[in-house]
Amino acid sequence: MNIAGIDEVGRGALFGPVVAAAVVLSESTCQQLQGLGVTDSKRLSPSRRQCLVKPIQTLALDYALGLASVHEIQRLNILQATRLAMQRAVRRLQHPPDLCLVDGNQAIPYLGLPQRLVIQGDQKHTEIAAASILAKVWRDSLITRLDRRYPGYGLATNKGYGSAYHRQAIQQLGSTAQHRLSFKGCNPHPTP
């Protein structure tokens, strides 16, 4: 039975897309990756996450990424955009999985595949943990590259999240095309 783990990253950020990954692992691969230290990406250092990307990609039966743009986040809302990114990741897999283990408590709509929702799934299932790592490393790399295009916001450090420095920069510099204007703290001149 092919089981895909699905997770997202960037949902709470003020800047950039939300990114999801889907990873299909065999039972033996799960054990191998656990032995290498694959766990919830938030529990790993950036360098440790980076070191785990190649083993995950090499050992996975299949993996894919999906994203929802800032424009889609603005148009749909963050929850719907997150579900869209997850749907795109699953649809990019070479073969539809038999079961999708979805991190969180929201099913992926219009997927047409069996799903199991798992609260804190990135701590319970290696498939979801692997997906969290791939999504996090890919998004962090994108935001670091965007830091060169949008200097002054500290993006390489805060990865688009609402650090005090980032919020202050928005007040001083204004927002960019990659800021989520519907998010509190992104609009330098909020309407009363």
N, C-alpha and C. Protein backbone atom coordinates (compact mmCIF):
# COMPACT_ATOMS: atom_id res chain seq x y z
N MET A 1 0.85 -1.19 0.00
CA MET A 1 0.00 0.00 0.00
C MET A 1 0.89 1.24 0.00
N ASN A 2 0.68 2.13 -0.97
CA ASN A 2 1.44 3.37 -1.07
C ASN A 2 0.78 4.44 -0.21
N ILE A 3 1.51 4.92 0.79
CA ILE A 3 1.00 5.94 1.70
C ILE A 3 1.80 7.21 1.49
N ALA A 4 1.09 8.32 1.25
CA ALA A 4 1.74 9.62 1.09
C ALA A 4 1.52 10.44 2.34
N GLY A 5 2.59 11.05 2.81
CA GLY A 5 2.49 12.03 3.88
C GLY A 5 2.43 13.41 3.26
N ILE A 6 1.56 14.26 3.76
CA ILE A 6 1.40 15.61 3.20
C ILE A 6 1.50 16.63 4.32
N ASP A 7 2.32 17.65 4.11
CA ASP A 7 2.45 18.73 5.08
C ASP A 7 2.73 20.02 4.34
N GLU A 8 2.52 21.13 5.05
CA GLU A 8 2.74 22.45 4.46
C GLU A 8 3.64 23.28 5.35
N VAL A 9 4.15 24.35 4.77
CA VAL A 9 4.96 25.30 5.52
C VAL A 9 4.67 26.70 4.99
N GLY A 10 4.76 27.67 5.89
CA GLY A 10 4.57 29.06 5.47
C GLY A 10 3.17 29.59 5.70
N ARG A 11 2.36 28.82 6.35
CA ARG A 11 0.96 29.24 6.55
C ARG A 11 0.88 30.53 7.38
N GLY A 12 1.73 30.67 8.38
CA GLY A 12 1.66 31.83 9.26
C GLY A 12 2.57 32.98 8.86
N ALA A 13 3.25 32.85 7.73
CA ALA A 13 4.19 33.90 7.30
C ALA A 13 3.44 35.13 6.78
N LEU A 14 4.13 36.25 6.77
CA LEU A 14 3.57 37.49 6.21
C LEU A 14 3.96 37.67 4.75
N PHE A 15 4.91 36.87 4.28
CA PHE A 15 5.53 37.09 2.97
C PHE A 15 5.70 35.75 2.26
N GLY A 16 5.42 35.74 0.96
CA GLY A 16 5.70 34.57 0.13
C GLY A 16 4.60 33.54 0.10
N PRO A 17 4.78 32.53 -0.73
CA PRO A 17 3.75 31.50 -0.91
C PRO A 17 3.68 30.54 0.26
N VAL A 18 2.62 29.77 0.29
CA VAL A 18 2.53 28.61 1.17
C VAL A 18 2.94 27.42 0.31
N VAL A 19 3.76 26.54 0.88
CA VAL A 19 4.34 25.42 0.12
C VAL A 19 3.97 24.12 0.81
N ALA A 20 3.57 23.13 0.02
CA ALA A 20 3.24 21.80 0.54
C ALA A 20 4.10 20.76 -0.15
N ALA A 21 4.30 19.65 0.54
CA ALA A 21 5.01 18.51 -0.06
C ALA A 21 4.21 17.25 0.22
N ALA A 22 4.32 16.32 -0.71
CA ALA A 22 3.75 14.98 -0.55
C ALA A 22 4.90 13.99 -0.74
N VAL A 23 5.04 13.05 0.19
CA VAL A 23 6.14 12.09 0.14
C VAL A 23 5.59 10.69 0.36
N VAL A 24 5.93 9.77 -0.55
CA VAL A 24 5.52 8.38 -0.44
C VAL A 24 6.74 7.55 -0.04
N LEU A 25 6.61 6.82 1.08
CA LEU A 25 7.71 6.01 1.59
C LEU A 25 7.25 4.57 1.80
N SER A 26 8.16 3.63 1.62
CA SER A 26 7.87 2.25 1.99
C SER A 26 8.11 2.10 3.49
N GLU A 27 7.65 1.00 4.06
CA GLU A 27 7.81 0.77 5.49
C GLU A 27 9.29 0.71 5.87
N SER A 28 10.09 0.03 5.06
CA SER A 28 11.52 -0.08 5.37
C SER A 28 12.21 1.28 5.24
N THR A 29 11.77 2.08 4.27
CA THR A 29 12.35 3.41 4.10
C THR A 29 12.02 4.29 5.29
N CYS A 30 10.81 4.16 5.83
CA CYS A 30 10.44 4.92 7.03
C CYS A 30 11.43 4.63 8.16
N GLN A 31 11.76 3.35 8.35
CA GLN A 31 12.70 2.98 9.40
C GLN A 31 14.09 3.55 9.13
N GLN A 32 14.53 3.49 7.87
CA GLN A 32 15.83 4.06 7.51
C GLN A 32 15.88 5.56 7.82
N LEU A 33 14.83 6.27 7.40
CA LEU A 33 14.81 7.72 7.59
C LEU A 33 14.68 8.08 9.07
N GLN A 34 13.94 7.28 9.84
CA GLN A 34 13.89 7.52 11.29
C GLN A 34 15.29 7.39 11.88
N GLY A 35 16.03 6.39 11.41
CA GLY A 35 17.40 6.18 11.88
C GLY A 35 18.32 7.34 11.54
N LEU A 36 18.01 8.03 10.44
CA LEU A 36 18.81 9.20 10.04
C LEU A 36 18.38 10.47 10.78
N GLY A 37 17.27 10.38 11.52
CA GLY A 37 16.84 11.54 12.31
C GLY A 37 15.69 12.33 11.72
N VAL A 38 15.00 11.76 10.73
CA VAL A 38 13.85 12.47 10.15
C VAL A 38 12.75 12.59 11.20
N THR A 39 12.36 13.82 11.46
CA THR A 39 11.29 14.13 12.40
C THR A 39 10.69 15.47 11.97
N ASP A 40 9.76 15.97 12.73
CA ASP A 40 9.12 17.26 12.47
C ASP A 40 10.19 18.30 12.15
N SER A 41 10.04 18.97 11.01
CA SER A 41 11.07 19.93 10.56
C SER A 41 11.32 21.04 11.58
N LYS A 42 10.30 21.38 12.37
CA LYS A 42 10.47 22.45 13.36
C LYS A 42 11.41 22.04 14.49
N ARG A 43 11.64 20.75 14.64
CA ARG A 43 12.52 20.26 15.70
C ARG A 43 13.97 20.11 15.22
N LEU A 44 14.23 20.46 13.97
CA LEU A 44 15.57 20.30 13.39
C LEU A 44 16.18 21.65 13.05
N SER A 45 17.48 21.73 13.13
CA SER A 45 18.17 22.96 12.73
C SER A 45 18.13 23.07 11.21
N PRO A 46 18.30 24.29 10.68
CA PRO A 46 18.31 24.45 9.22
C PRO A 46 19.35 23.57 8.54
N SER A 47 20.54 23.44 9.12
CA SER A 47 21.58 22.62 8.48
C SER A 47 21.20 21.14 8.53
N ARG A 48 20.58 20.70 9.61
CA ARG A 48 20.16 19.29 9.72
C ARG A 48 19.05 19.00 8.70
N ARG A 49 18.10 19.92 8.56
CA ARG A 49 17.05 19.73 7.55
C ARG A 49 17.67 19.60 6.17
N GLN A 50 18.60 20.49 5.87
CA GLN A 50 19.25 20.48 4.56
C GLN A 50 19.95 19.14 4.30
N CYS A 51 20.60 18.61 5.32
CA CYS A 51 21.31 17.32 5.18
C CYS A 51 20.35 16.16 4.92
N LEU A 52 19.11 16.28 5.35
CA LEU A 52 18.14 15.19 5.20
C LEU A 52 17.41 15.20 3.86
N VAL A 53 17.49 16.30 3.13
CA VAL A 53 16.76 16.40 1.86
C VAL A 53 17.18 15.30 0.90
N LYS A 54 18.48 15.14 0.67
CA LYS A 54 18.96 14.16 -0.32
C LYS A 54 18.55 12.74 0.05
N PRO A 55 18.75 12.29 1.32
CA PRO A 55 18.28 10.94 1.67
C PRO A 55 16.78 10.75 1.47
N ILE A 56 15.99 11.78 1.82
CA ILE A 56 14.53 11.66 1.62
C ILE A 56 14.23 11.51 0.13
N GLN A 57 14.82 12.37 -0.69
CA GLN A 57 14.56 12.31 -2.13
C GLN A 57 15.05 11.00 -2.74
N THR A 58 16.16 10.50 -2.26
CA THR A 58 16.74 9.27 -2.80
C THR A 58 15.93 8.04 -2.39
N LEU A 59 15.49 8.00 -1.14
CA LEU A 59 14.81 6.81 -0.62
C LEU A 59 13.30 6.81 -0.88
N ALA A 60 12.71 7.96 -1.10
CA ALA A 60 11.26 8.03 -1.31
C ALA A 60 10.85 7.27 -2.57
N LEU A 61 9.71 6.62 -2.52
CA LEU A 61 9.15 6.01 -3.73
C LEU A 61 8.68 7.10 -4.68
N ASP A 62 8.27 8.23 -4.11
CA ASP A 62 7.78 9.35 -4.90
C ASP A 62 7.70 10.57 -3.99
N TYR A 63 7.86 11.76 -4.56
CA TYR A 63 7.67 12.99 -3.80
C TYR A 63 7.37 14.11 -4.78
N ALA A 64 6.67 15.13 -4.28
CA ALA A 64 6.33 16.27 -5.13
C ALA A 64 6.03 17.47 -4.23
N LEU A 65 6.18 18.65 -4.82
CA LEU A 65 5.88 19.89 -4.13
C LEU A 65 4.72 20.59 -4.82
N GLY A 66 3.99 21.39 -4.07
CA GLY A 66 2.94 22.23 -4.62
C GLY A 66 2.94 23.53 -3.84
N LEU A 67 2.52 24.60 -4.48
CA LEU A 67 2.46 25.86 -3.75
C LEU A 67 1.22 26.64 -4.14
N ALA A 68 0.90 27.58 -3.29
CA ALA A 68 -0.16 28.56 -3.60
C ALA A 68 0.50 29.93 -3.44
N SER A 69 0.32 30.75 -4.44
CA SER A 69 0.97 32.06 -4.49
C SER A 69 0.33 33.05 -3.52
N VAL A 70 1.02 34.16 -3.32
CA VAL A 70 0.48 35.23 -2.48
C VAL A 70 -0.86 35.71 -3.06
N HIS A 71 -0.94 35.82 -4.37
CA HIS A 71 -2.19 36.23 -5.01
C HIS A 71 -3.32 35.25 -4.66
N GLU A 72 -3.02 33.95 -4.71
CA GLU A 72 -4.04 32.95 -4.37
C GLU A 72 -4.41 33.01 -2.89
N ILE A 73 -3.42 33.27 -2.03
CA ILE A 73 -3.70 33.41 -0.60
C ILE A 73 -4.65 34.59 -0.38
N GLN A 74 -4.39 35.70 -1.07
CA GLN A 74 -5.25 36.88 -0.94
C GLN A 74 -6.66 36.61 -1.45
N ARG A 75 -6.74 35.90 -2.57
CA ARG A 75 -8.03 35.67 -3.22
C ARG A 75 -8.87 34.63 -2.47
N LEU A 76 -8.23 33.55 -2.00
CA LEU A 76 -8.96 32.42 -1.43
C LEU A 76 -9.06 32.47 0.09
N ASN A 77 -8.08 32.92 0.77
CA ASN A 77 -7.77 32.94 2.20
C ASN A 77 -6.71 31.87 2.46
N ILE A 78 -6.03 31.97 3.59
CA ILE A 78 -4.87 31.12 3.83
C ILE A 78 -5.25 29.64 3.97
N LEU A 79 -6.38 29.35 4.58
CA LEU A 79 -6.78 27.95 4.73
C LEU A 79 -7.02 27.30 3.37
N GLN A 80 -7.81 27.96 2.53
CA GLN A 80 -8.10 27.40 1.20
C GLN A 80 -6.84 27.31 0.35
N ALA A 81 -5.97 28.30 0.46
CA ALA A 81 -4.72 28.28 -0.31
C ALA A 81 -3.81 27.15 0.15
N THR A 82 -3.79 26.89 1.45
CA THR A 82 -3.00 25.78 1.99
C THR A 82 -3.51 24.46 1.44
N ARG A 83 -4.81 24.29 1.44
CA ARG A 83 -5.40 23.06 0.92
C ARG A 83 -5.13 22.92 -0.58
N LEU A 84 -5.13 24.04 -1.31
CA LEU A 84 -4.81 24.03 -2.73
C LEU A 84 -3.36 23.59 -2.96
N ALA A 85 -2.44 24.12 -2.17
CA ALA A 85 -1.02 23.73 -2.29
C ALA A 85 -0.86 22.23 -2.02
N MET A 86 -1.56 21.71 -1.02
CA MET A 86 -1.50 20.28 -0.71
C MET A 86 -2.06 19.46 -1.87
N GLN A 87 -3.19 19.89 -2.40
CA GLN A 87 -3.80 19.19 -3.53
C GLN A 87 -2.83 19.15 -4.72
N ARG A 88 -2.18 20.27 -5.00
CA ARG A 88 -1.22 20.32 -6.10
C ARG A 88 -0.05 19.38 -5.87
N ALA A 89 0.44 19.31 -4.64
CA ALA A 89 1.55 18.39 -4.35
C ALA A 89 1.14 16.95 -4.61
N VAL A 90 -0.03 16.55 -4.12
CA VAL A 90 -0.49 15.17 -4.32
C VAL A 90 -0.70 14.88 -5.80
N ARG A 91 -1.28 15.81 -6.53
CA ARG A 91 -1.56 15.60 -7.95
C ARG A 91 -0.27 15.52 -8.78
N ARG A 92 0.83 16.04 -8.27
CA ARG A 92 2.10 15.98 -8.99
C ARG A 92 2.87 14.67 -8.75
N LEU A 93 2.37 13.85 -7.84
CA LEU A 93 3.00 12.54 -7.65
C LEU A 93 2.83 11.73 -8.93
N GLN A 94 3.80 10.87 -9.21
CA GLN A 94 3.75 10.07 -10.44
C GLN A 94 2.57 9.11 -10.44
N HIS A 95 2.24 8.56 -9.26
CA HIS A 95 1.12 7.62 -9.13
C HIS A 95 0.28 8.03 -7.94
N PRO A 96 -1.05 8.00 -8.06
CA PRO A 96 -1.90 8.36 -6.92
C PRO A 96 -1.66 7.38 -5.76
N PRO A 97 -1.47 7.89 -4.55
CA PRO A 97 -1.26 7.00 -3.40
C PRO A 97 -2.57 6.32 -3.01
N ASP A 98 -2.44 5.22 -2.26
CA ASP A 98 -3.62 4.51 -1.76
C ASP A 98 -4.24 5.23 -0.57
N LEU A 99 -3.39 5.98 0.16
CA LEU A 99 -3.86 6.71 1.34
C LEU A 99 -3.00 7.96 1.51
N CYS A 100 -3.64 9.06 1.86
CA CYS A 100 -2.93 10.31 2.16
C CYS A 100 -3.04 10.58 3.66
N LEU A 101 -1.89 10.67 4.31
CA LEU A 101 -1.83 11.09 5.71
C LEU A 101 -1.61 12.60 5.69
N VAL A 102 -2.61 13.34 6.10
CA VAL A 102 -2.58 14.80 6.00
C VAL A 102 -2.34 15.39 7.37
N ASP A 103 -1.30 16.19 7.50
CA ASP A 103 -1.02 16.85 8.77
C ASP A 103 -2.12 17.87 9.05
N GLY A 104 -2.67 17.82 10.26
CA GLY A 104 -3.67 18.80 10.65
C GLY A 104 -5.07 18.21 10.74
N ASN A 105 -6.04 19.10 10.74
CA ASN A 105 -7.44 18.67 10.91
C ASN A 105 -8.33 19.08 9.75
N GLN A 106 -7.72 19.43 8.60
CA GLN A 106 -8.49 19.85 7.43
C GLN A 106 -8.22 18.91 6.26
N ALA A 107 -9.26 18.29 5.75
CA ALA A 107 -9.11 17.41 4.59
C ALA A 107 -8.80 18.25 3.34
N ILE A 108 -8.18 17.61 2.38
CA ILE A 108 -7.89 18.25 1.11
C ILE A 108 -9.11 18.05 0.21
N PRO A 109 -9.78 19.13 -0.19
CA PRO A 109 -11.00 18.98 -0.98
C PRO A 109 -10.71 18.52 -2.41
N TYR A 110 -11.69 17.86 -2.98
CA TYR A 110 -11.67 17.45 -4.39
C TYR A 110 -10.46 16.58 -4.74
N LEU A 111 -9.95 15.85 -3.78
CA LEU A 111 -8.76 15.03 -4.03
C LEU A 111 -9.14 13.68 -4.63
N GLY A 112 -10.28 13.14 -4.22
CA GLY A 112 -10.71 11.86 -4.77
C GLY A 112 -9.87 10.69 -4.31
N LEU A 113 -9.16 10.84 -3.19
CA LEU A 113 -8.31 9.78 -2.64
C LEU A 113 -8.61 9.64 -1.15
N PRO A 114 -8.45 8.44 -0.59
CA PRO A 114 -8.65 8.28 0.85
C PRO A 114 -7.66 9.14 1.63
N GLN A 115 -8.17 9.80 2.68
CA GLN A 115 -7.33 10.67 3.51
C GLN A 115 -7.54 10.33 4.98
N ARG A 116 -6.46 10.47 5.73
CA ARG A 116 -6.55 10.38 7.18
C ARG A 116 -5.90 11.64 7.73
N LEU A 117 -6.66 12.38 8.53
CA LEU A 117 -6.15 13.62 9.13
C LEU A 117 -5.43 13.26 10.42
N VAL A 118 -4.24 13.83 10.60
CA VAL A 118 -3.42 13.51 11.77
C VAL A 118 -2.94 14.81 12.41
N ILE A 119 -3.48 15.12 13.57
CA ILE A 119 -3.02 16.28 14.33
C ILE A 119 -1.59 16.01 14.76
N GLN A 120 -0.70 16.98 14.57
CA GLN A 120 0.73 16.85 14.84
C GLN A 120 1.32 15.62 14.14
N GLY A 121 0.86 15.43 12.91
CA GLY A 121 1.28 14.28 12.14
C GLY A 121 2.77 14.24 11.84
N ASP A 122 3.40 15.43 11.78
CA ASP A 122 4.83 15.47 11.49
C ASP A 122 5.64 14.91 12.66
N GLN A 123 5.00 14.71 13.82
CA GLN A 123 5.67 14.08 14.96
C GLN A 123 5.30 12.60 15.09
N LYS A 124 4.32 12.15 14.31
CA LYS A 124 3.81 10.79 14.46
C LYS A 124 4.09 9.88 13.27
N HIS A 125 4.23 10.47 12.08
CA HIS A 125 4.42 9.67 10.86
C HIS A 125 5.63 10.17 10.09
N THR A 126 6.52 9.25 9.77
CA THR A 126 7.74 9.62 9.05
C THR A 126 7.42 10.21 7.69
N GLU A 127 6.36 9.73 7.04
CA GLU A 127 5.97 10.27 5.73
C GLU A 127 5.65 11.76 5.83
N ILE A 128 4.93 12.13 6.87
CA ILE A 128 4.57 13.55 7.05
C ILE A 128 5.79 14.35 7.45
N ALA A 129 6.63 13.80 8.32
CA ALA A 129 7.86 14.49 8.73
C ALA A 129 8.75 14.75 7.52
N ALA A 130 8.88 13.76 6.66
CA ALA A 130 9.70 13.93 5.45
C ALA A 130 9.12 15.03 4.56
N ALA A 131 7.79 15.05 4.45
CA ALA A 131 7.14 16.10 3.65
C ALA A 131 7.39 17.47 4.28
N SER A 132 7.35 17.55 5.60
CA SER A 132 7.57 18.83 6.27
C SER A 132 8.99 19.33 6.00
N ILE A 133 9.95 18.43 5.97
CA ILE A 133 11.35 18.82 5.70
C ILE A 133 11.51 19.31 4.27
N LEU A 134 10.98 18.57 3.31
CA LEU A 134 11.13 18.98 1.90
C LEU A 134 10.47 20.34 1.67
N ALA A 135 9.27 20.52 2.21
CA ALA A 135 8.56 21.79 2.01
C ALA A 135 9.31 22.94 2.68
N LYS A 136 9.79 22.72 3.89
CA LYS A 136 10.48 23.78 4.64
C LYS A 136 11.78 24.19 3.96
N VAL A 137 12.58 23.22 3.55
CA VAL A 137 13.86 23.55 2.92
C VAL A 137 13.63 24.27 1.59
N TRP A 138 12.65 23.81 0.81
CA TRP A 138 12.38 24.44 -0.49
C TRP A 138 11.90 25.87 -0.29
N ARG A 139 10.95 26.06 0.63
CA ARG A 139 10.41 27.41 0.85
C ARG A 139 11.48 28.34 1.42
N ASP A 140 12.24 27.86 2.40
CA ASP A 140 13.30 28.69 2.99
C ASP A 140 14.30 29.14 1.93
N SER A 141 14.64 28.23 1.02
CA SER A 141 15.57 28.57 -0.06
C SER A 141 14.97 29.64 -0.98
N LEU A 142 13.69 29.50 -1.30
CA LEU A 142 13.01 30.50 -2.13
C LEU A 142 13.02 31.87 -1.45
N ILE A 143 12.66 31.90 -0.17
CA ILE A 143 12.58 33.18 0.55
C ILE A 143 13.97 33.81 0.67
N THR A 144 14.99 33.00 0.86
CA THR A 144 16.36 33.52 0.91
C THR A 144 16.74 34.15 -0.43
N ARG A 145 16.35 33.51 -1.53
CA ARG A 145 16.61 34.11 -2.85
C ARG A 145 15.83 35.41 -3.03
N LEU A 146 14.58 35.44 -2.56
CA LEU A 146 13.76 36.65 -2.68
C LEU A 146 14.29 37.79 -1.81
N ASP A 147 15.08 37.47 -0.80
CA ASP A 147 15.69 38.51 0.04
C ASP A 147 16.57 39.43 -0.80
N ARG A 148 17.19 38.89 -1.85
CA ARG A 148 18.02 39.72 -2.72
C ARG A 148 17.16 40.66 -3.56
N ARG A 149 15.97 40.22 -3.93
CA ARG A 149 15.06 41.06 -4.72
C ARG A 149 14.35 42.10 -3.87
N TYR A 150 14.10 41.74 -2.61
CA TYR A 150 13.39 42.63 -1.68
C TYR A 150 14.26 42.85 -0.44
N PRO A 151 15.34 43.62 -0.57
CA PRO A 151 16.24 43.82 0.58
C PRO A 151 15.59 44.71 1.64
N GLY A 152 16.09 44.57 2.85
CA GLY A 152 15.66 45.45 3.94
C GLY A 152 14.64 44.84 4.88
N TYR A 153 14.09 43.66 4.54
CA TYR A 153 13.07 43.03 5.38
C TYR A 153 13.63 41.89 6.24
N GLY A 154 14.91 41.57 6.04
CA GLY A 154 15.51 40.48 6.81
C GLY A 154 14.98 39.11 6.45
N LEU A 155 14.55 38.95 5.21
CA LEU A 155 13.89 37.70 4.80
C LEU A 155 14.79 36.48 4.91
N ALA A 156 16.08 36.64 4.65
CA ALA A 156 17.00 35.50 4.74
C ALA A 156 17.04 34.95 6.16
N THR A 157 16.77 35.82 7.13
CA THR A 157 16.79 35.41 8.53
C THR A 157 15.40 34.99 9.01
N ASN A 158 14.38 35.79 8.73
CA ASN A 158 13.04 35.49 9.28
C ASN A 158 12.18 34.61 8.37
N LYS A 159 12.65 34.35 7.16
CA LYS A 159 11.95 33.47 6.19
C LYS A 159 10.52 33.93 5.90
N GLY A 160 10.29 35.24 6.06
CA GLY A 160 8.98 35.78 5.73
C GLY A 160 8.00 35.82 6.88
N TYR A 161 8.42 35.30 8.03
CA TYR A 161 7.54 35.33 9.21
C TYR A 161 7.60 36.70 9.86
N GLY A 162 6.68 36.97 10.77
CA GLY A 162 6.48 38.30 11.33
C GLY A 162 7.38 38.64 12.49
N SER A 163 8.68 38.57 12.31
CA SER A 163 9.61 38.99 13.36
C SER A 163 9.43 40.49 13.60
N ALA A 164 9.92 40.96 14.73
CA ALA A 164 9.84 42.40 15.04
C ALA A 164 10.56 43.20 13.96
N TYR A 165 11.71 42.71 13.51
CA TYR A 165 12.47 43.41 12.47
C TYR A 165 11.66 43.51 11.17
N HIS A 166 11.04 42.40 10.78
CA HIS A 166 10.25 42.35 9.55
C HIS A 166 9.06 43.32 9.64
N ARG A 167 8.36 43.31 10.76
CA ARG A 167 7.20 44.20 10.94
C ARG A 167 7.63 45.67 10.91
N GLN A 168 8.76 45.96 11.53
CA GLN A 168 9.28 47.34 11.53
C GLN A 168 9.65 47.76 10.11
N ALA A 169 10.25 46.84 9.35
CA ALA A 169 10.64 47.14 7.97
C ALA A 169 9.42 47.44 7.10
N ILE A 170 8.33 46.71 7.33
CA ILE A 170 7.10 46.98 6.59
C ILE A 170 6.61 48.40 6.89
N GLN A 171 6.67 48.80 8.15
CA GLN A 171 6.25 50.16 8.52
C GLN A 171 7.13 51.22 7.85
N GLN A 172 8.42 50.93 7.74
CA GLN A 172 9.36 51.92 7.19
C GLN A 172 9.42 51.89 5.66
N LEU A 173 9.43 50.68 5.08
CA LEU A 173 9.62 50.54 3.64
C LEU A 173 8.32 50.33 2.86
N GLY A 174 7.27 49.98 3.57
CA GLY A 174 6.03 49.59 2.90
C GLY A 174 6.06 48.11 2.59
N SER A 175 4.98 47.61 2.03
CA SER A 175 4.91 46.19 1.68
C SER A 175 5.30 46.00 0.22
N THR A 176 5.58 44.75 -0.14
CA THR A 176 5.98 44.39 -1.50
C THR A 176 4.87 43.57 -2.15
N ALA A 177 5.10 43.19 -3.39
CA ALA A 177 4.14 42.34 -4.11
C ALA A 177 4.05 40.94 -3.51
N GLN A 178 5.03 40.56 -2.70
CA GLN A 178 5.02 39.23 -2.09
C GLN A 178 4.50 39.24 -0.66
N HIS A 179 4.11 40.39 -0.16
CA HIS A 179 3.53 40.46 1.19
C HIS A 179 2.03 40.13 1.11
N ARG A 180 1.55 39.46 2.13
CA ARG A 180 0.14 39.08 2.21
C ARG A 180 -0.62 40.23 2.87
N LEU A 181 -1.14 41.11 2.06
CA LEU A 181 -1.74 42.34 2.58
C LEU A 181 -2.95 42.11 3.48
N SER A 182 -3.59 40.97 3.34
CA SER A 182 -4.74 40.68 4.20
C SER A 182 -4.31 40.21 5.59
N PHE A 183 -3.00 39.98 5.79
CA PHE A 183 -2.50 39.53 7.08
C PHE A 183 -2.20 40.74 7.97
N LYS A 184 -2.56 40.63 9.23
CA LYS A 184 -2.29 41.71 10.18
C LYS A 184 -0.78 41.95 10.24
N GLY A 185 -0.40 43.19 10.12
CA GLY A 185 1.01 43.54 10.18
C GLY A 185 1.65 43.74 8.83
N CYS A 186 0.93 43.43 7.75
CA CYS A 186 1.51 43.58 6.39
C CYS A 186 1.20 44.92 5.76
N ASN A 187 0.20 45.58 6.24
CA ASN A 187 -0.19 46.86 5.65
C ASN A 187 0.40 47.99 6.48
N PRO A 188 1.34 48.76 5.91
CA PRO A 188 1.97 49.81 6.70
C PRO A 188 1.00 50.93 7.10
N HIS A 189 -0.11 51.06 6.40
CA HIS A 189 -1.09 52.10 6.70
C HIS A 189 -2.48 51.48 6.79
N PRO A 190 -2.74 50.72 7.88
CA PRO A 190 -4.04 50.06 7.98
C PRO A 190 -5.17 51.08 8.07
N THR A 191 -6.29 50.69 7.52
CA THR A 191 -7.47 51.57 7.60
C THR A 191 -8.09 51.41 8.99
N PRO A 192 -8.61 52.51 9.55
CA PRO A 192 -9.17 52.44 10.91
C PRO A 192 -10.44 51.61 10.95
